[in-house]
């Protein structure tokens, strides 16, 4: 929130992050910007600075409403600020195969968005919830957990989609 307040009166405030990222972009294969689940100025900056966006969708009822609003925001950003912005895919998260609601939401999203939905599901997982409270990534907290394996599978899917095949150190360590 503090950064948004600082930027509110700046000219071209929607492009502040883009200016910074453009300086280092050539040094990386991927730059991941993880935004909070709000559609404020920071998220607009991230979308303006990005080549593609991954849309996480919790397998919960209200997430479907949020998906529609986010897609509208992405269209506005594509029209006004970043015509090159692509949707990399829709990622189903907090999936619990024991719950009918999770299954229903996943089916609804897959039916409506088809090829845009990643094959990888991020399962609801205790270790994923614990990691931030220890100030760690899931890869450091418990690399063998279901959540870590889900995210490694997502990384592999993204690499394959982008015709890149490098194995990461983490994948080699747990032999996925």
Protein backbone atom coordinates (compact mmCIF):
# COMPACT_ATOMS: atom_id res chain seq x y z
CA UNK A 1 0.00 0.00 0.00
CA UNK A 2 2.86 2.41 0.80
CA UNK A 3 4.33 2.13 -2.70
CA UNK A 4 0.95 2.84 -4.27
CA UNK A 5 0.56 5.99 -2.18
CA UNK A 6 4.08 7.12 -3.16
CA UNK A 7 3.30 6.66 -6.88
CA UNK A 8 -0.17 8.18 -6.94
CA UNK A 9 0.89 11.61 -8.21
CA UNK A 10 3.79 10.54 -10.44
CA UNK A 11 3.52 10.92 -14.21
CA UNK A 12 3.33 7.56 -16.01
CA UNK A 13 2.86 5.85 -12.66
CA UNK A 14 1.56 2.71 -14.41
CA UNK A 15 4.97 2.23 -16.06
CA UNK A 16 7.33 2.64 -13.08
CA UNK A 17 8.02 -1.09 -12.72
CA UNK A 18 8.49 -1.48 -16.48
CA UNK A 19 11.30 1.09 -16.46
CA UNK A 20 13.18 -0.90 -13.83
CA UNK A 21 12.55 -4.34 -15.34
CA UNK A 22 13.50 -3.25 -18.85
CA UNK A 23 17.03 -2.49 -17.54
CA UNK A 24 17.63 -6.10 -16.38
CA UNK A 25 15.27 -8.11 -18.59
CA UNK A 26 17.95 -9.30 -21.00
CA UNK A 27 19.88 -10.96 -18.13
CA UNK A 28 17.09 -13.45 -17.27
CA UNK A 29 15.04 -16.15 -18.96
CA UNK A 30 12.11 -15.40 -16.65
CA UNK A 31 11.29 -12.63 -14.20
CA UNK A 32 8.41 -13.54 -11.93
CA UNK A 33 6.41 -10.77 -10.30
CA UNK A 34 4.15 -12.12 -7.56
CA UNK A 35 1.36 -9.66 -6.79
CA UNK A 36 -1.11 -9.53 -3.96
CA UNK A 37 -4.68 -10.49 -4.87
CA UNK A 38 -5.82 -6.92 -5.53
CA UNK A 39 -6.20 -4.84 -8.65
CA UNK A 40 -4.33 -1.79 -7.42
CA UNK A 41 -1.54 0.28 -8.92
CA UNK A 42 1.16 -2.32 -8.12
CA UNK A 43 -0.74 -4.99 -10.08
CA UNK A 44 -1.29 -2.59 -12.98
CA UNK A 45 2.46 -1.86 -12.94
CA UNK A 46 3.23 -5.58 -12.97
CA UNK A 47 0.89 -6.22 -15.90
CA UNK A 48 2.34 -3.26 -17.80
CA UNK A 49 5.89 -4.55 -17.23
CA UNK A 50 5.15 -8.18 -18.11
CA UNK A 51 5.25 -10.20 -21.30
CA UNK A 52 2.77 -12.72 -19.89
CA UNK A 53 0.58 -13.34 -16.89
CA UNK A 54 -0.28 -16.51 -15.01
CA UNK A 55 -3.75 -16.23 -13.51
CA UNK A 56 -4.09 -18.20 -10.27
CA UNK A 57 -7.62 -19.35 -9.49
CA UNK A 58 -8.44 -20.86 -6.12
CA UNK A 59 -10.81 -23.78 -6.42
CA UNK A 60 -13.46 -21.89 -4.48
CA UNK A 61 -16.78 -20.35 -5.55
CA UNK A 62 -15.89 -16.64 -5.23
CA UNK A 63 -12.69 -17.13 -7.23
CA UNK A 64 -14.78 -17.46 -10.39
CA UNK A 65 -16.13 -13.94 -9.87
CA UNK A 66 -12.62 -12.60 -9.34
CA UNK A 67 -11.44 -14.32 -12.51
CA UNK A 68 -13.89 -12.35 -14.62
CA UNK A 69 -12.79 -9.05 -13.09
CA UNK A 70 -9.12 -9.87 -13.58
CA UNK A 71 -9.69 -10.83 -17.23
CA UNK A 72 -11.41 -7.47 -17.79
CA UNK A 73 -8.47 -5.67 -16.18
CA UNK A 74 -6.03 -7.59 -18.39
CA UNK A 75 -8.02 -6.54 -21.49
CA UNK A 76 -7.85 -2.89 -20.40
CA UNK A 77 -4.09 -3.16 -19.80
CA UNK A 78 -3.64 -4.83 -23.21
CA UNK A 79 -5.62 -2.04 -24.88
CA UNK A 80 -4.14 0.97 -23.11
CA UNK A 81 -0.75 0.09 -21.63
CA UNK A 82 0.75 -3.18 -22.88
CA UNK A 83 -0.54 -4.62 -26.18
CA UNK A 84 2.10 -7.41 -26.01
CA UNK A 85 0.75 -8.85 -22.74
CA UNK A 86 -0.24 -12.49 -23.18
CA UNK A 87 -2.02 -14.84 -20.83
CA UNK A 88 0.46 -17.65 -20.16
CA UNK A 89 -2.27 -19.71 -18.57
CA UNK A 90 -4.76 -20.17 -15.79
CA UNK A 91 -3.45 -22.02 -12.74
CA UNK A 92 -5.87 -23.86 -10.48
CA UNK A 93 -4.72 -23.56 -6.85
CA UNK A 94 -5.80 -24.76 -3.42
CA UNK A 95 -7.27 -27.82 -5.11
CA UNK A 96 -8.58 -30.53 -2.77
CA UNK A 97 -9.70 -33.67 -4.58
CA UNK A 98 -11.79 -34.67 -1.54
CA UNK A 99 -14.09 -31.68 -2.02
CA UNK A 100 -16.83 -31.60 -4.63
CA UNK A 101 -16.53 -27.80 -4.79
CA UNK A 102 -12.87 -28.03 -5.84
CA UNK A 103 -13.77 -30.52 -8.55
CA UNK A 104 -16.70 -28.41 -9.75
CA UNK A 105 -14.69 -25.19 -9.93
CA UNK A 106 -11.84 -26.97 -11.74
CA UNK A 107 -14.28 -28.45 -14.27
CA UNK A 108 -16.03 -25.11 -14.78
CA UNK A 109 -12.73 -23.33 -15.45
CA UNK A 110 -11.46 -26.12 -17.74
CA UNK A 111 -14.74 -26.21 -19.66
CA UNK A 112 -14.87 -22.45 -20.17
CA UNK A 113 -11.16 -21.74 -20.76
CA UNK A 114 -10.00 -25.11 -22.19
CA UNK A 115 -6.41 -24.86 -23.48
CA UNK A 116 -5.65 -21.81 -21.34
CA UNK A 117 -5.72 -23.93 -18.15
CA UNK A 118 -2.45 -25.49 -17.03
CA UNK A 119 -2.50 -29.27 -16.64
CA UNK A 120 -0.74 -28.84 -13.30
CA UNK A 121 -2.96 -28.32 -10.26
CA UNK A 122 -1.59 -26.82 -7.05
CA UNK A 123 -3.06 -28.93 -4.27
CA UNK A 124 -4.11 -27.57 -0.92
CA UNK A 125 -1.09 -28.46 1.20
CA UNK A 126 -0.12 -27.78 4.80
CA UNK A 127 3.55 -27.30 3.92
CA UNK A 128 2.66 -24.54 1.45
CA UNK A 129 0.85 -22.72 4.24
CA UNK A 130 3.71 -23.22 6.71
CA UNK A 131 6.59 -22.05 4.51
CA UNK A 132 5.87 -18.28 4.65
CA UNK A 133 5.53 -18.37 8.44
CA UNK A 134 9.13 -19.64 8.55
CA UNK A 135 10.21 -16.99 6.03
CA UNK A 136 11.05 -19.68 3.49
CA UNK A 137 10.07 -20.74 0.02
CA UNK A 138 8.43 -24.14 -0.30
CA UNK A 139 11.60 -25.42 -2.00
CA UNK A 140 13.65 -24.63 1.11
CA UNK A 141 10.95 -25.54 3.65
CA UNK A 142 10.11 -28.99 2.26
CA UNK A 143 11.23 -29.77 -1.27
CA UNK A 144 9.61 -33.22 -1.15
CA UNK A 145 6.16 -31.95 -0.19
CA UNK A 146 3.18 -32.22 -2.50
CA UNK A 147 3.12 -28.43 -2.89
CA UNK A 148 6.79 -28.24 -3.90
CA UNK A 149 6.32 -31.05 -6.41
CA UNK A 150 3.23 -29.31 -7.82
CA UNK A 151 5.22 -26.10 -8.36
CA UNK A 152 8.13 -27.99 -9.94
CA UNK A 153 5.64 -29.64 -12.30
CA UNK A 154 4.24 -26.20 -13.15
CA UNK A 155 7.76 -24.94 -13.87
CA UNK A 156 8.37 -27.92 -16.14
CA UNK A 157 5.06 -27.29 -17.94
CA UNK A 158 5.96 -23.62 -18.49
CA UNK A 159 9.42 -24.54 -19.76
CA UNK A 160 7.94 -27.07 -22.19
CA UNK A 161 5.34 -24.57 -23.37
CA UNK A 162 8.15 -22.10 -24.08
CA UNK A 163 10.35 -24.75 -25.76
CA UNK A 164 12.93 -24.70 -22.97
CA UNK A 165 14.10 -27.93 -21.39
CA UNK A 166 16.64 -27.09 -18.70
CA UNK A 167 16.39 -29.19 -15.54
CA UNK A 168 16.68 -27.16 -12.39
CA UNK A 169 18.85 -28.04 -9.42
CA UNK A 170 15.69 -28.72 -7.41
CA UNK A 171 14.40 -31.22 -9.99
CA UNK A 172 17.74 -33.01 -10.00
CA UNK A 173 17.81 -33.17 -6.19
CA UNK A 174 14.48 -34.94 -5.87
CA UNK A 175 14.62 -36.79 -9.19
CA UNK A 176 11.23 -35.80 -10.55
